[in-house]
Amino acid sequence: YSLLAFDIANTIVKEYGEIEDVTITLLSQIGKPIDQPKVASVLVICEKNTFIKLKDKIQYIVDGKLENIREITKRIIDGELSVF
């Protein structure tokens, strides 16, 4: 989840330069699928009007990354995503 959280935050910041900072918190739950975290929290620091404009787009990014969570493993193996 830590690599996925970093990837989500990085994607959001690259996609929307007007966002000053993003913090992603993902919390798993024993017995639940990995793509269905108990908590998926996004803290965004930006202008209020910017957040209102981007809220749905940010949600779309988070949902898409969770749906394709197994892609993280492939990206690590391919050297596209560093673990250090």
N, C-alpha and C. Protein backbone atom coordinates (compact mmCIF):
# COMPACT_ATOMS: atom_id res chain seq x y z
N TYR A 1 0.81 -1.20 0.00
CA TYR A 1 0.00 0.00 0.00
C TYR A 1 0.86 1.27 0.00
N SER A 2 2.02 1.21 0.62
CA SER A 2 2.85 2.42 0.67
C SER A 2 3.30 2.83 -0.73
N LEU A 3 3.67 1.86 -1.56
CA LEU A 3 4.07 2.18 -2.93
C LEU A 3 2.88 2.68 -3.74
N LEU A 4 1.73 2.08 -3.54
CA LEU A 4 0.52 2.53 -4.23
C LEU A 4 0.16 3.95 -3.80
N ALA A 5 0.23 4.23 -2.52
CA ALA A 5 -0.08 5.58 -2.02
C ALA A 5 0.86 6.61 -2.63
N PHE A 6 2.14 6.28 -2.68
CA PHE A 6 3.12 7.19 -3.30
C PHE A 6 2.78 7.40 -4.77
N ASP A 7 2.45 6.32 -5.47
CA ASP A 7 2.13 6.40 -6.89
C ASP A 7 0.88 7.25 -7.13
N ILE A 8 -0.13 7.08 -6.30
CA ILE A 8 -1.35 7.87 -6.43
C ILE A 8 -1.05 9.35 -6.22
N ALA A 9 -0.33 9.67 -5.15
CA ALA A 9 0.01 11.06 -4.85
C ALA A 9 0.83 11.67 -5.98
N ASN A 10 1.81 10.92 -6.46
CA ASN A 10 2.67 11.40 -7.53
C ASN A 10 1.86 11.67 -8.80
N THR A 11 0.95 10.79 -9.14
CA THR A 11 0.10 10.96 -10.32
C THR A 11 -0.77 12.20 -10.19
N ILE A 12 -1.36 12.40 -9.04
CA ILE A 12 -2.23 13.56 -8.82
C ILE A 12 -1.45 14.86 -8.96
N VAL A 13 -0.27 14.93 -8.34
CA VAL A 13 0.53 16.16 -8.39
C VAL A 13 1.02 16.43 -9.81
N LYS A 14 1.44 15.39 -10.52
CA LYS A 14 1.90 15.58 -11.91
C LYS A 14 0.75 16.01 -12.81
N GLU A 15 -0.41 15.46 -12.57
CA GLU A 15 -1.59 15.74 -13.41
C GLU A 15 -2.13 17.15 -13.16
N TYR A 16 -2.07 17.60 -11.93
CA TYR A 16 -2.67 18.89 -11.56
C TYR A 16 -1.66 19.74 -10.78
N GLY A 17 -0.93 20.56 -11.50
CA GLY A 17 0.14 21.37 -10.93
C GLY A 17 -0.32 22.40 -9.91
N GLU A 18 -1.61 22.73 -9.91
CA GLU A 18 -2.12 23.72 -8.97
C GLU A 18 -2.30 23.15 -7.55
N ILE A 19 -2.11 21.85 -7.41
CA ILE A 19 -2.19 21.23 -6.08
C ILE A 19 -0.83 21.38 -5.40
N GLU A 20 -0.83 21.88 -4.19
CA GLU A 20 0.41 22.14 -3.46
C GLU A 20 0.96 20.88 -2.78
N ASP A 21 0.08 20.05 -2.24
CA ASP A 21 0.52 18.86 -1.53
C ASP A 21 -0.62 17.84 -1.48
N VAL A 22 -0.24 16.56 -1.47
CA VAL A 22 -1.22 15.48 -1.39
C VAL A 22 -0.69 14.44 -0.41
N THR A 23 -1.56 13.98 0.48
CA THR A 23 -1.23 12.88 1.39
C THR A 23 -2.28 11.79 1.18
N ILE A 24 -1.80 10.58 0.91
CA ILE A 24 -2.67 9.45 0.69
C ILE A 24 -2.52 8.48 1.85
N THR A 25 -3.62 8.03 2.41
CA THR A 25 -3.60 7.03 3.47
C THR A 25 -4.45 5.85 3.02
N LEU A 26 -3.83 4.67 3.00
CA LEU A 26 -4.55 3.44 2.65
C LEU A 26 -4.42 2.47 3.81
N LEU A 27 -5.53 1.90 4.20
CA LEU A 27 -5.56 0.97 5.32
C LEU A 27 -6.26 -0.30 4.88
N SER A 28 -5.56 -1.42 4.98
CA SER A 28 -6.14 -2.70 4.56
C SER A 28 -7.00 -3.27 5.68
N GLN A 29 -7.75 -4.30 5.33
CA GLN A 29 -8.56 -5.00 6.31
C GLN A 29 -8.40 -6.50 6.06
N ILE A 30 -8.05 -7.22 7.10
CA ILE A 30 -7.87 -8.66 6.99
C ILE A 30 -9.15 -9.30 6.47
N GLY A 31 -8.98 -10.17 5.49
CA GLY A 31 -10.12 -10.88 4.92
C GLY A 31 -10.80 -10.17 3.76
N LYS A 32 -10.37 -8.97 3.45
CA LYS A 32 -10.96 -8.21 2.34
C LYS A 32 -9.98 -8.18 1.17
N PRO A 33 -10.48 -8.09 -0.05
CA PRO A 33 -9.58 -8.00 -1.21
C PRO A 33 -8.66 -6.78 -1.12
N ILE A 34 -7.46 -6.93 -1.64
CA ILE A 34 -6.47 -5.86 -1.55
C ILE A 34 -6.92 -4.58 -2.27
N ASP A 35 -7.77 -4.74 -3.27
CA ASP A 35 -8.23 -3.56 -4.01
C ASP A 35 -9.43 -2.88 -3.35
N GLN A 36 -9.79 -3.35 -2.15
CA GLN A 36 -10.89 -2.74 -1.40
C GLN A 36 -10.41 -2.39 0.01
N PRO A 37 -9.61 -1.34 0.13
CA PRO A 37 -9.10 -0.98 1.46
C PRO A 37 -10.22 -0.54 2.40
N LYS A 38 -9.96 -0.70 3.68
CA LYS A 38 -10.93 -0.23 4.68
C LYS A 38 -10.99 1.30 4.64
N VAL A 39 -9.82 1.92 4.42
CA VAL A 39 -9.73 3.38 4.33
C VAL A 39 -8.89 3.74 3.11
N ALA A 40 -9.39 4.66 2.33
CA ALA A 40 -8.62 5.28 1.25
C ALA A 40 -8.87 6.78 1.38
N SER A 41 -7.94 7.45 2.06
CA SER A 41 -8.11 8.86 2.39
C SER A 41 -7.14 9.71 1.56
N VAL A 42 -7.65 10.83 1.06
CA VAL A 42 -6.84 11.74 0.27
C VAL A 42 -6.94 13.13 0.90
N LEU A 43 -5.81 13.65 1.33
CA LEU A 43 -5.74 15.01 1.87
C LEU A 43 -5.04 15.87 0.83
N VAL A 44 -5.73 16.88 0.35
CA VAL A 44 -5.20 17.74 -0.71
C VAL A 44 -5.08 19.16 -0.17
N ILE A 45 -3.93 19.76 -0.42
CA ILE A 45 -3.74 21.16 -0.06
C ILE A 45 -3.70 21.97 -1.34
N CYS A 46 -4.70 22.85 -1.48
CA CYS A 46 -4.80 23.72 -2.65
C CYS A 46 -5.88 24.77 -2.35
N GLU A 47 -6.09 25.62 -3.30
CA GLU A 47 -7.16 26.61 -3.17
C GLU A 47 -8.51 25.90 -3.14
N LYS A 48 -9.46 26.43 -2.37
CA LYS A 48 -10.76 25.80 -2.23
C LYS A 48 -11.44 25.58 -3.58
N ASN A 49 -11.44 26.58 -4.43
CA ASN A 49 -12.09 26.45 -5.73
C ASN A 49 -11.40 25.40 -6.59
N THR A 50 -10.08 25.24 -6.43
CA THR A 50 -9.34 24.22 -7.17
C THR A 50 -9.79 22.84 -6.73
N PHE A 51 -9.94 22.64 -5.42
CA PHE A 51 -10.37 21.34 -4.92
C PHE A 51 -11.75 20.98 -5.43
N ILE A 52 -12.66 21.92 -5.38
CA ILE A 52 -14.02 21.67 -5.85
C ILE A 52 -13.99 21.25 -7.32
N LYS A 53 -13.15 21.91 -8.11
CA LYS A 53 -13.04 21.62 -9.53
C LYS A 53 -12.41 20.25 -9.80
N LEU A 54 -11.47 19.83 -8.94
CA LEU A 54 -10.70 18.61 -9.19
C LEU A 54 -11.14 17.39 -8.37
N LYS A 55 -12.07 17.56 -7.45
CA LYS A 55 -12.46 16.47 -6.55
C LYS A 55 -12.82 15.18 -7.29
N ASP A 56 -13.68 15.26 -8.27
CA ASP A 56 -14.10 14.06 -9.01
C ASP A 56 -12.95 13.46 -9.81
N LYS A 57 -12.08 14.29 -10.35
CA LYS A 57 -10.94 13.81 -11.12
C LYS A 57 -9.95 13.08 -10.22
N ILE A 58 -9.75 13.60 -9.00
CA ILE A 58 -8.87 12.95 -8.03
C ILE A 58 -9.47 11.60 -7.63
N GLN A 59 -10.76 11.56 -7.38
CA GLN A 59 -11.45 10.31 -7.04
C GLN A 59 -11.28 9.28 -8.14
N TYR A 60 -11.36 9.73 -9.38
CA TYR A 60 -11.21 8.84 -10.53
C TYR A 60 -9.80 8.22 -10.56
N ILE A 61 -8.79 9.02 -10.27
CA ILE A 61 -7.41 8.52 -10.23
C ILE A 61 -7.26 7.48 -9.14
N VAL A 62 -7.74 7.78 -7.94
CA VAL A 62 -7.64 6.84 -6.82
C VAL A 62 -8.35 5.54 -7.14
N ASP A 63 -9.57 5.62 -7.63
CA ASP A 63 -10.34 4.42 -7.98
C ASP A 63 -9.62 3.59 -9.05
N GLY A 64 -9.09 4.26 -10.05
CA GLY A 64 -8.39 3.56 -11.13
C GLY A 64 -7.14 2.86 -10.64
N LYS A 65 -6.38 3.51 -9.78
CA LYS A 65 -5.16 2.89 -9.24
C LYS A 65 -5.51 1.69 -8.36
N LEU A 66 -6.58 1.78 -7.59
CA LEU A 66 -6.99 0.65 -6.77
C LEU A 66 -7.48 -0.52 -7.62
N GLU A 67 -8.22 -0.22 -8.66
CA GLU A 67 -8.71 -1.28 -9.56
C GLU A 67 -7.56 -2.03 -10.23
N ASN A 68 -6.47 -1.32 -10.47
CA ASN A 68 -5.32 -1.92 -11.15
C ASN A 68 -4.13 -2.11 -10.20
N ILE A 69 -4.41 -2.41 -8.95
CA ILE A 69 -3.38 -2.50 -7.92
C ILE A 69 -2.30 -3.54 -8.26
N ARG A 70 -2.67 -4.58 -8.95
CA ARG A 70 -1.69 -5.62 -9.29
C ARG A 70 -0.64 -5.12 -10.29
N GLU A 71 -0.91 -4.02 -10.93
CA GLU A 71 0.04 -3.41 -11.86
C GLU A 71 1.30 -2.93 -11.13
N ILE A 72 1.17 -2.61 -9.85
CA ILE A 72 2.31 -2.14 -9.04
C ILE A 72 3.42 -3.20 -9.04
N THR A 73 3.06 -4.46 -8.87
CA THR A 73 4.05 -5.54 -8.86
C THR A 73 4.82 -5.57 -10.17
N LYS A 74 4.12 -5.48 -11.27
CA LYS A 74 4.76 -5.49 -12.58
C LYS A 74 5.70 -4.30 -12.73
N ARG A 75 5.28 -3.14 -12.28
CA ARG A 75 6.11 -1.94 -12.39
C ARG A 75 7.38 -2.04 -11.54
N ILE A 76 7.28 -2.70 -10.39
CA ILE A 76 8.47 -2.92 -9.55
C ILE A 76 9.43 -3.86 -10.26
N ILE A 77 8.92 -4.97 -10.78
CA ILE A 77 9.74 -5.95 -11.48
C ILE A 77 10.42 -5.32 -12.71
N ASP A 78 9.67 -4.49 -13.43
CA ASP A 78 10.20 -3.84 -14.64
C ASP A 78 11.13 -2.67 -14.32
N GLY A 79 11.29 -2.34 -13.04
CA GLY A 79 12.17 -1.23 -12.66
C GLY A 79 11.57 0.14 -12.85
N GLU A 80 10.27 0.23 -13.10
CA GLU A 80 9.60 1.50 -13.29
C GLU A 80 9.29 2.19 -11.97
N LEU A 81 9.22 1.42 -10.90
CA LEU A 81 8.87 1.95 -9.60
C LEU A 81 9.88 1.45 -8.59
N SER A 82 10.54 2.37 -7.93
CA SER A 82 11.60 2.00 -6.97
C SER A 82 11.01 1.77 -5.59
N VAL A 83 11.57 0.79 -4.90
CA VAL A 83 11.12 0.50 -3.54
C VAL A 83 12.01 1.18 -2.50
N PHE A 84 13.05 1.86 -2.94
CA PHE A 84 13.95 2.55 -2.01
C PHE A 84 14.00 4.02 -2.32
